[in-house]
Amino acid sequence: MARVRYAYEPEDPTKAAKAMGYEMPISFKHAVEICSEIKGMKIDEAIRFLEEVAEMKRAVRFKKYYKKVGHKSGLDKWFAGRYPQKAARYILKVIKNLEANADYKGIEKDRLIITHAQAKKGRVLKRFTPRAFGRATPKFKTLTTVEFVAEVR
């Protein structure tokens, strides 16, 4: 039994591939923006896009969490963007795993389109930093789960 269930099930599982990155130490907001950008792309386009983001050659549009985010050039009809390198590297591994899963199932990679891309909040690692006079400051880290489904269209 899986630890986390997929939020989306494809109509025909024989023509779809799934992959999940479970509780990765990346920013949840960055993962949400990358997932919204990748959804609808082919796998090769998504890999190229994430490699360019990791190399800071292409920015990710921040459409949901755009407050106090600087403007970047090269964004199609949008203003706010960033280069979330760490999240791009982790999500790139999951996309390559998705590609390998499709290859294992015998599905043509050229026809696969990412139909589902979602980021979920995982566990919270609770830590505390000691301060003066016996006090402590909380230092919480939220882990992120990312799931992808690619189908033949």
Protein backbone atom coordinates (compact mmCIF):
# COMPACT_ATOMS: atom_id res chain seq x y z
CA MET A 1 0.00 0.00 0.00
CA ALA A 2 1.31 3.42 -0.94
CA ARG A 3 2.18 5.99 1.70
CA VAL A 4 0.45 8.74 -0.26
CA ARG A 5 -2.27 8.15 -2.81
CA TYR A 6 -2.29 9.97 -6.12
CA ALA A 7 -4.89 12.73 -6.34
CA TYR A 8 -5.54 11.83 -10.00
CA GLU A 9 -6.07 8.46 -11.64
CA PRO A 10 -5.75 8.20 -15.43
CA GLU A 11 -8.65 6.83 -17.48
CA ASP A 12 -6.46 4.18 -19.14
CA PRO A 13 -3.55 3.11 -16.86
CA THR A 14 -1.88 1.21 -19.72
CA LYS A 15 -1.32 4.48 -21.62
CA ALA A 16 -0.13 6.51 -18.63
CA ALA A 17 2.95 6.75 -16.45
CA LYS A 18 3.11 8.05 -12.87
CA ALA A 19 5.91 9.28 -10.63
CA MET A 20 6.07 10.84 -7.18
CA GLY A 21 8.76 12.61 -5.18
CA TYR A 22 7.90 11.90 -1.56
CA GLU A 23 8.69 14.47 1.17
CA MET A 24 11.48 16.37 -0.52
CA PRO A 25 13.23 19.23 1.34
CA ILE A 26 12.18 21.96 -1.11
CA SER A 27 10.01 25.05 -0.87
CA PHE A 28 6.32 24.27 -1.21
CA LYS A 29 5.59 27.57 -2.97
CA HIS A 30 8.37 27.01 -5.51
CA ALA A 31 7.08 23.48 -6.16
CA VAL A 32 3.53 24.77 -6.76
CA GLU A 33 4.73 27.34 -9.30
CA ILE A 34 6.96 24.83 -11.13
CA CYS A 35 4.12 22.28 -11.28
CA SER A 36 1.71 24.82 -12.74
CA GLU A 37 4.33 25.75 -15.34
CA ILE A 38 5.10 22.13 -16.31
CA LYS A 39 1.51 20.91 -16.60
CA GLY A 40 0.58 20.43 -20.26
CA MET A 41 4.18 20.08 -21.47
CA LYS A 42 5.73 17.05 -23.10
CA ILE A 43 8.33 15.25 -20.98
CA ASP A 44 11.28 16.38 -23.12
CA GLU A 45 10.11 20.01 -22.94
CA ALA A 46 9.73 19.77 -19.16
CA ILE A 47 13.25 18.33 -18.74
CA ARG A 48 14.72 21.08 -20.92
CA PHE A 49 12.75 23.74 -19.02
CA LEU A 50 13.91 22.49 -15.60
CA GLU A 51 17.54 22.27 -16.72
CA GLU A 52 17.36 25.88 -17.93
CA VAL A 53 15.82 26.99 -14.61
CA ALA A 54 18.57 25.20 -12.67
CA GLU A 55 21.18 27.00 -14.80
CA MET A 56 19.35 30.35 -14.29
CA LYS A 57 18.76 30.78 -18.03
CA ARG A 58 14.97 30.75 -17.80
CA ALA A 59 12.67 32.07 -15.08
CA VAL A 60 9.56 30.42 -13.66
CA ARG A 61 6.38 32.50 -13.71
CA PHE A 62 5.03 33.05 -10.20
CA LYS A 63 1.28 33.33 -10.74
CA LYS A 64 -0.07 32.34 -7.32
CA TYR A 65 2.68 33.49 -4.93
CA TYR A 66 3.71 36.66 -6.77
CA LYS A 67 3.66 39.27 -4.00
CA LYS A 68 7.02 40.97 -3.43
CA VAL A 69 8.57 38.93 -6.28
CA GLY A 70 10.78 40.86 -8.66
CA HIS A 71 10.11 41.25 -12.36
CA LYS A 72 12.03 39.03 -14.78
CA SER A 73 12.48 39.35 -18.52
CA GLY A 74 11.50 36.58 -20.89
CA LEU A 75 8.25 35.65 -19.16
CA ASP A 76 5.40 35.29 -21.62
CA LYS A 77 2.80 37.98 -20.79
CA TRP A 78 3.67 37.93 -17.07
CA PHE A 79 5.82 40.05 -14.79
CA ALA A 80 6.79 38.18 -11.59
CA GLY A 81 9.26 35.32 -11.67
CA ARG A 82 12.18 33.61 -9.97
CA TYR A 83 14.84 30.96 -10.52
CA PRO A 84 14.03 28.22 -7.95
CA GLN A 85 17.16 26.18 -8.58
CA LYS A 86 16.92 23.68 -5.70
CA ALA A 87 13.27 22.84 -6.39
CA ALA A 88 14.02 22.54 -10.12
CA ARG A 89 16.82 20.04 -9.48
CA TYR A 90 14.64 17.86 -7.23
CA ILE A 91 11.65 17.98 -9.59
CA LEU A 92 13.93 17.20 -12.54
CA LYS A 93 14.80 13.89 -10.85
CA VAL A 94 11.10 13.07 -10.51
CA ILE A 95 10.43 13.93 -14.19
CA LYS A 96 13.33 11.70 -15.27
CA ASN A 97 11.81 8.95 -13.11
CA LEU A 98 8.48 9.54 -14.89
CA GLU A 99 10.27 9.15 -18.23
CA ALA A 100 11.90 5.90 -17.06
CA ASN A 101 8.54 4.57 -15.84
CA ALA A 102 6.99 5.29 -19.24
CA ASP A 103 9.93 3.57 -20.94
CA TYR A 104 9.49 0.53 -18.67
CA LYS A 105 5.79 0.32 -19.57
CA GLY A 106 6.63 0.54 -23.28
CA ILE A 107 4.86 3.84 -23.90
CA GLU A 108 6.16 6.18 -26.61
CA LYS A 109 7.80 9.11 -24.83
CA ASP A 110 7.21 11.48 -27.76
CA ARG A 111 3.43 11.27 -27.35
CA LEU A 112 3.30 11.64 -23.55
CA ILE A 113 1.94 14.88 -22.13
CA ILE A 114 2.01 15.74 -18.42
CA THR A 115 -1.69 15.89 -17.54
CA HIS A 116 -1.37 16.08 -13.76
CA ALA A 117 1.25 17.96 -11.76
CA GLN A 118 0.63 18.66 -8.11
CA ALA A 119 2.56 19.68 -5.01
CA LYS A 120 1.35 18.74 -1.52
CA LYS A 121 2.63 19.69 1.90
CA GLY A 122 4.27 16.84 3.75
CA ARG A 123 5.42 16.44 7.33
CA VAL A 124 6.73 19.35 9.36
CA LEU A 125 10.14 18.89 10.99
CA LYS A 126 9.95 20.81 14.26
CA ARG A 127 13.16 22.17 15.71
CA PHE A 128 13.96 24.93 18.15
CA THR A 129 16.82 27.40 18.38
CA PRO A 130 17.84 28.27 21.96
CA ARG A 131 17.79 31.96 22.79
CA ALA A 132 18.79 34.12 25.71
CA PHE A 133 17.08 33.92 29.12
CA GLY A 134 15.87 30.36 28.63
CA ARG A 135 13.63 31.06 25.67
CA ALA A 136 13.53 29.24 22.32
CA THR A 137 12.53 30.20 18.79
CA PRO A 138 10.74 27.64 16.61
CA LYS A 139 12.44 26.62 13.38
CA PHE A 140 10.04 24.54 11.32
CA LYS A 141 10.75 22.89 7.94
CA THR A 142 7.83 21.77 5.77
CA LEU A 143 8.60 18.89 3.42
CA THR A 144 6.95 18.76 0.00
CA THR A 145 5.50 15.85 -1.98
CA VAL A 146 5.26 16.23 -5.77
CA GLU A 147 3.31 13.93 -8.07
CA PHE A 148 3.12 13.74 -11.86
CA VAL A 149 0.98 11.75 -14.30
CA ALA A 150 1.72 11.71 -18.03
CA GLU A 151 -0.76 10.33 -20.54
CA VAL A 152 -0.79 9.65 -24.28
CA ARG A 153 -2.88 12.31 -26.01
